[in-house]
N, C-alpha and C. Protein backbone atom coordinates (compact mmCIF):
# COMPACT_ATOMS: atom_id res chain seq x y z
N UNK A 1 1.75 -17.70 9.96
CA UNK A 1 1.46 -16.16 10.25
C UNK A 1 0.61 -16.17 10.58
N UNK A 2 -0.18 -15.28 11.41
CA UNK A 2 -1.48 -14.58 11.87
C UNK A 2 -2.09 -14.11 10.66
N UNK A 3 -1.19 -13.12 9.97
CA UNK A 3 -2.70 -12.22 8.96
C UNK A 3 -2.53 -12.72 7.53
N UNK A 4 -1.20 -13.82 7.68
CA UNK A 4 -2.26 -14.03 6.28
C UNK A 4 -3.29 -14.46 5.82
N UNK A 5 -3.67 -15.22 6.66
CA UNK A 5 -5.25 -16.24 6.37
C UNK A 5 -6.31 -14.60 6.06
N UNK A 6 -6.22 -13.89 7.28
CA UNK A 6 -7.51 -12.45 7.09
C UNK A 6 -7.08 -11.32 6.19
N UNK A 7 -5.62 -11.22 5.70
CA UNK A 7 -5.68 -10.32 4.12
C UNK A 7 -6.83 -11.65 3.10
N UNK A 8 -6.03 -12.99 3.28
CA UNK A 8 -6.47 -13.24 2.31
C UNK A 8 -8.94 -14.00 2.09
N UNK A 9 -8.88 -13.64 3.20
CA UNK A 9 -10.35 -13.34 3.77
C UNK A 9 -10.98 -12.21 3.65
N UNK A 10 -10.59 -11.06 3.66
CA UNK A 10 -11.07 -10.23 3.53
C UNK A 10 -10.62 -9.45 1.90
N UNK A 11 -10.04 -10.39 1.23
CA UNK A 11 -9.67 -9.65 -0.06
C UNK A 11 -11.10 -10.01 -1.07
N UNK A 12 -11.19 -11.46 -0.25
CA UNK A 12 -12.41 -12.42 -1.51
C UNK A 12 -13.31 -11.93 -0.57
N UNK A 13 -13.18 -11.78 1.03
CA UNK A 13 -14.61 -11.24 0.93
C UNK A 13 -15.19 -10.02 0.49
N UNK A 14 -14.53 -8.38 -0.06
CA UNK A 14 -15.00 -7.34 -0.41
C UNK A 14 -14.25 -7.81 -1.98
N UNK A 15 -13.86 -9.05 -2.74
CA UNK A 15 -13.72 -8.09 -3.72
C UNK A 15 -12.78 -7.73 -4.97
N UNK A 16 -11.86 -7.29 -3.59
CA UNK A 16 -10.25 -6.95 -3.86
C UNK A 16 -9.05 -8.55 -4.66
N UNK A 17 -8.14 -7.68 -5.67
CA UNK A 17 -7.32 -8.69 -5.59
C UNK A 17 -6.18 -7.74 -5.39
N UNK A 18 -5.51 -9.30 -4.94
CA UNK A 18 -3.94 -9.00 -4.65
C UNK A 18 -3.64 -8.30 -6.30
N UNK A 19 -3.52 -7.93 -6.53
CA UNK A 19 -3.04 -6.77 -7.96
C UNK A 19 -3.06 -5.27 -7.09
N UNK A 20 -4.50 -5.47 -7.29
CA UNK A 20 -4.91 -3.62 -6.35
C UNK A 20 -4.68 -3.53 -4.58
N UNK A 21 -3.99 -4.27 -4.18
CA UNK A 21 -3.85 -4.03 -2.78
C UNK A 21 -2.47 -4.35 -2.90
N UNK A 22 -1.80 -4.58 -4.07
CA UNK A 22 -0.26 -3.79 -4.45
C UNK A 22 -0.12 -2.22 -5.05
N UNK A 23 -0.70 -2.28 -5.65
CA UNK A 23 -0.80 -1.40 -6.12
C UNK A 23 -0.66 -0.11 -5.47
N UNK A 24 -2.03 -0.68 -4.40
CA UNK A 24 -2.06 0.31 -2.97
C UNK A 24 -1.23 1.11 -2.72
N UNK A 25 -0.16 -0.91 -2.56
CA UNK A 25 1.10 0.13 -0.85
C UNK A 25 2.35 0.31 -2.08
N UNK A 26 2.30 -0.03 -3.41
CA UNK A 26 3.38 0.82 -4.40
C UNK A 26 4.67 0.40 -4.20
N UNK A 27 3.87 -1.54 -3.80
CA UNK A 27 4.85 -2.64 -4.35
C UNK A 27 4.65 -3.84 -5.27
N UNK A 28 5.61 -4.16 -6.08
CA UNK A 28 4.96 -5.24 -6.44
C UNK A 28 4.37 -6.63 -5.91
N UNK A 29 3.82 -6.93 -7.43
CA UNK A 29 2.77 -8.06 -6.63
C UNK A 29 3.10 -9.15 -6.99
N UNK A 30 4.28 -9.02 -7.36
CA UNK A 30 5.18 -10.94 -6.88
C UNK A 30 5.17 -10.27 -5.30
N UNK A 31 6.10 -9.52 -4.74
CA UNK A 31 6.82 -8.40 -3.27
C UNK A 31 5.09 -8.88 -2.65
N UNK A 32 4.42 -8.50 -3.37
CA UNK A 32 3.18 -8.68 -2.11
C UNK A 32 2.67 -9.93 -1.93
N UNK A 33 3.08 -10.55 -2.65
CA UNK A 33 2.42 -12.26 -3.68
C UNK A 33 3.04 -12.88 -2.02
N UNK A 34 5.07 -12.80 -2.07
CA UNK A 34 5.84 -13.46 -1.31
C UNK A 34 5.04 -12.68 0.33
N UNK A 35 4.63 -12.01 0.85
CA UNK A 35 3.68 -11.59 2.22
C UNK A 35 3.23 -12.12 2.30
N UNK A 36 1.92 -12.31 1.02
CA UNK A 36 0.28 -13.49 1.62
C UNK A 36 0.87 -15.14 2.00
N UNK A 37 1.94 -15.49 1.13
CA UNK A 37 2.62 -16.48 1.37
C UNK A 37 3.22 -17.05 2.42
N UNK A 38 3.57 -16.45 3.28
CA UNK A 38 4.32 -16.51 3.76
C UNK A 38 5.96 -16.57 4.21
N UNK A 39 6.33 -16.05 2.69
CA UNK A 39 8.10 -16.34 2.43
C UNK A 39 8.81 -15.35 3.23
N UNK A 40 7.28 -14.14 3.53
CA UNK A 40 8.57 -12.72 3.90
C UNK A 40 7.46 -12.82 5.71
N UNK A 41 8.80 -11.68 5.50
CA UNK A 41 7.04 -11.01 6.65
C UNK A 41 6.77 -9.50 6.28
N UNK A 42 5.69 -9.10 6.13
CA UNK A 42 5.91 -8.06 5.91
C UNK A 42 5.77 -6.58 7.12
N UNK A 43 5.93 -6.03 6.86
CA UNK A 43 6.32 -4.83 7.33
C UNK A 43 5.43 -3.76 8.43
N UNK A 44 5.65 -4.09 9.41
CA UNK A 44 4.05 -3.18 10.25
C UNK A 44 3.84 -2.07 8.93
N UNK A 45 4.54 -1.37 8.36
CA UNK A 45 3.85 -0.02 7.06
C UNK A 45 2.79 -0.51 6.26
N UNK A 46 2.90 -1.68 5.99
CA UNK A 46 2.75 -2.20 5.29
C UNK A 46 0.71 -2.79 5.88
N UNK A 47 1.65 -3.09 7.14
CA UNK A 47 0.42 -3.93 8.00
C UNK A 47 -0.93 -3.02 7.83
N UNK A 48 -0.66 -1.63 8.08
CA UNK A 48 -1.17 -0.29 8.98
C UNK A 48 -1.78 -0.17 7.18
N UNK A 49 -1.16 0.03 6.30
CA UNK A 49 -2.05 0.23 5.29
C UNK A 49 -3.06 -0.36 5.15
N UNK A 50 -3.41 -1.84 5.46
CA UNK A 50 -4.07 -2.28 4.89
C UNK A 50 -5.34 -2.42 6.26
N UNK A 51 -4.85 -2.33 7.23
CA UNK A 51 -5.67 -2.17 7.65
C UNK A 51 -6.43 -0.89 7.78
N UNK A 52 -6.01 0.39 7.30
CA UNK A 52 -6.74 1.38 7.03
C UNK A 52 -7.82 1.01 5.59
N UNK A 53 -6.90 0.34 4.30
CA UNK A 53 -7.32 0.27 3.14
C UNK A 53 -8.97 -0.86 4.12
N UNK A 54 -8.49 -1.76 4.37
CA UNK A 54 -10.06 -2.23 5.84
C UNK A 54 -10.73 -2.17 6.16
N UNK A 55 -10.50 -0.72 6.66
CA UNK A 55 -11.34 -0.90 7.81
C UNK A 55 -11.14 -2.04 9.63
N UNK A 56 -9.50 -2.30 9.26
CA UNK A 56 -9.96 -3.12 10.22
C UNK A 56 -9.21 -3.18 11.46
N UNK A 57 -8.70 -2.91 13.04
CA UNK A 57 -7.87 -3.54 13.27
C UNK A 57 -6.46 -4.41 13.51
N UNK A 58 -5.52 -3.47 13.83
CA UNK A 58 -4.25 -4.72 13.96
C UNK A 58 -4.61 -6.10 14.95
N UNK A 59 -5.20 -5.47 15.67
CA UNK A 59 -6.38 -6.93 16.34
C UNK A 59 -7.17 -8.01 15.52
N UNK A 60 -7.88 -7.41 14.90
CA UNK A 60 -8.09 -8.09 14.00
C UNK A 60 -7.62 -9.05 12.95
N UNK A 61 -6.75 -8.56 12.42
CA UNK A 61 -5.30 -8.82 11.56
C UNK A 61 -4.51 -9.66 12.29
N UNK A 62 -4.01 -10.37 13.47
CA UNK A 62 -3.59 -10.86 14.05
C UNK A 62 -4.08 -11.66 15.15
N UNK A 63 -6.08 -11.57 15.09
CA UNK A 63 -6.60 -12.45 15.18
C UNK A 63 -7.08 -12.35 16.98
N UNK A 64 -6.51 -11.30 17.78
CA UNK A 64 -6.70 -11.07 18.70
C UNK A 64 -8.81 -10.35 19.15
N UNK A 65 -9.49 -10.28 17.67
CA UNK A 65 -10.24 -10.54 17.80
C UNK A 65 -10.59 -10.97 17.21
N UNK A 66 -12.39 -11.22 16.89
CA UNK A 66 -13.11 -11.35 15.89
C UNK A 66 -13.24 -10.42 15.69
N UNK A 67 -14.05 -9.16 15.91
CA UNK A 67 -14.31 -8.04 15.27
C UNK A 67 -14.00 -7.32 14.54
N UNK A 68 -14.19 -7.44 13.31
CA UNK A 68 -13.20 -6.74 12.56
C UNK A 68 -13.70 -5.42 11.70
N UNK A 69 -14.30 -5.05 12.48
CA UNK A 69 -14.46 -3.28 12.06
C UNK A 69 -14.76 -2.84 12.91
N UNK A 70 -13.63 -1.06 13.52
CA UNK A 70 -14.55 -0.35 14.65
C UNK A 70 -15.51 0.39 14.48
N UNK A 71 -16.06 0.41 15.69
CA UNK A 71 -16.98 0.46 16.48
C UNK A 71 -17.45 2.26 15.85
N UNK A 72 -18.40 2.54 15.75
CA UNK A 72 -18.58 4.00 15.39
C UNK A 72 -19.05 5.12 16.93
N UNK A 73 -17.93 5.47 17.23
CA UNK A 73 -18.22 6.87 17.72
C UNK A 73 -19.39 7.34 17.86
């Protein structure tokens, strides 16, 4: 899947644990782990919440761009 690498990268880069993100999404750690380990597809609502959490775009999560952050207007 295209997004799992980016989520792992963002977690490592910002020092965020999967437990923290699972709690943020209000799901179990095991469910979050299944998403990141590509056992299940992550619903778009969770991907959207993660984009907001990390302040990145869907384009970045899905590797359509290398620009990780929104440009300030």
